[in-house]
Amino acid sequence: MASGQGQPPSTSETPFMLYLVALLNLYESAPSTTPPPVYNGPPGWCYDSVMHSIRNIARRMYTAEEELRNIKDKEPYSGDGPETKKRR
């Protein structure tokens, strides 16, 4: 019986799971100015715990990406990276 016919939705179809799919798709792409989606489902300790962890992971990810960009910007470009070196 489908979830729309009187049974509770499967785990993959809950509002929170659908929200997580949208949020993780946003974080998976390159840094963007697109704001994260808004969760309108029921709150609870599970939501609070998962969102706390995701915020911390996202902050660490963006910090690491920014530090890597700064390091790369300081390095002079030599033009002979691993893909251009010839083996003897």
Protein backbone atom coordinates (compact mmCIF):
# COMPACT_ATOMS: atom_id res chain seq x y z
CA MET A 1 0.00 0.00 0.00
CA ALA A 2 1.42 3.42 -0.94
CA SER A 3 2.15 6.00 1.73
CA GLY A 4 -0.67 8.22 0.44
CA GLN A 5 -3.25 5.50 1.18
CA GLY A 6 -3.44 5.57 4.97
CA GLN A 7 -0.01 4.24 5.92
CA PRO A 8 2.76 6.43 7.31
CA PRO A 9 5.40 7.46 4.77
CA SER A 10 8.48 5.34 4.45
CA THR A 11 11.63 6.67 6.09
CA SER A 12 12.87 8.00 2.77
CA GLU A 13 9.72 10.08 2.26
CA THR A 14 9.46 11.89 5.60
CA PRO A 15 9.57 15.70 5.46
CA PHE A 16 12.91 15.68 7.28
CA MET A 17 14.49 13.17 4.88
CA LEU A 18 13.28 15.17 1.88
CA TYR A 19 14.71 18.30 3.51
CA LEU A 20 18.06 16.57 4.08
CA VAL A 21 18.21 15.50 0.43
CA ALA A 22 17.72 19.12 -0.69
CA LEU A 23 20.19 20.47 1.88
CA LEU A 24 22.93 17.95 1.09
CA ASN A 25 22.51 18.52 -2.66
CA LEU A 26 23.12 22.22 -2.04
CA TYR A 27 26.25 21.54 0.05
CA GLU A 28 27.53 18.97 -2.45
CA SER A 29 27.70 21.56 -5.20
CA ALA A 30 30.30 24.30 -5.23
CA PRO A 31 29.95 27.06 -2.65
CA SER A 32 26.99 29.14 -3.59
CA THR A 33 25.05 32.17 -2.51
CA THR A 34 21.84 30.14 -2.59
CA PRO A 35 20.40 30.05 0.92
CA PRO A 36 19.73 26.64 2.42
CA PRO A 37 16.16 25.37 2.12
CA VAL A 38 13.76 26.01 4.98
CA TYR A 39 12.51 23.02 6.96
CA ASN A 40 8.79 23.27 7.70
CA GLY A 41 8.30 19.84 9.22
CA PRO A 42 7.87 18.87 12.84
CA PRO A 43 10.77 19.83 15.14
CA GLY A 44 12.34 17.47 17.62
CA TRP A 45 15.58 16.32 19.19
CA CYS A 46 16.53 14.27 16.13
CA TYR A 47 16.17 17.29 13.84
CA ASP A 48 18.10 19.50 16.28
CA SER A 49 20.93 16.99 16.63
CA VAL A 50 21.32 16.31 12.91
CA MET A 51 21.16 20.00 12.01
CA HIS A 52 23.74 20.88 14.66
CA SER A 53 26.12 18.32 13.13
CA ILE A 54 25.44 19.43 9.56
CA ARG A 55 26.09 23.08 10.46
CA ASN A 56 29.42 22.13 12.06
CA ILE A 57 30.43 19.97 9.10
CA ALA A 58 29.47 22.70 6.62
CA ARG A 59 31.41 25.33 8.56
CA ARG A 60 34.50 23.10 8.61
CA MET A 61 34.10 22.35 4.90
CA TYR A 62 33.83 26.01 3.91
CA THR A 63 36.76 26.95 6.17
CA ALA A 64 38.94 24.21 4.66
CA GLU A 65 38.00 25.20 1.10
CA GLU A 66 38.81 28.85 1.83
CA GLU A 67 42.18 27.93 3.36
CA LEU A 68 43.00 25.77 0.34
CA ARG A 69 42.11 28.64 -2.01
CA ASN A 70 44.38 30.97 -0.03
CA ILE A 71 47.27 28.49 -0.19
CA LYS A 72 46.82 27.99 -3.94
CA ASP A 73 46.61 31.75 -4.53
CA LYS A 74 49.98 32.23 -2.78
CA GLU A 75 51.77 29.55 -4.82
CA PRO A 76 53.34 30.68 -8.07
CA TYR A 77 52.09 28.79 -11.10
CA SER A 78 54.95 26.75 -12.57
CA GLY A 79 53.11 25.27 -15.54
CA ASP A 80 54.63 21.84 -15.04
CA GLY A 81 52.21 20.01 -12.79
CA PRO A 82 52.07 16.23 -12.63
CA GLU A 83 50.02 16.04 -15.82
CA THR A 84 52.73 17.78 -17.91
CA LYS A 85 55.85 16.01 -16.60
CA LYS A 86 57.36 13.41 -18.90
CA ARG A 87 58.74 10.09 -17.69
CA ARG A 88 62.19 9.07 -18.79
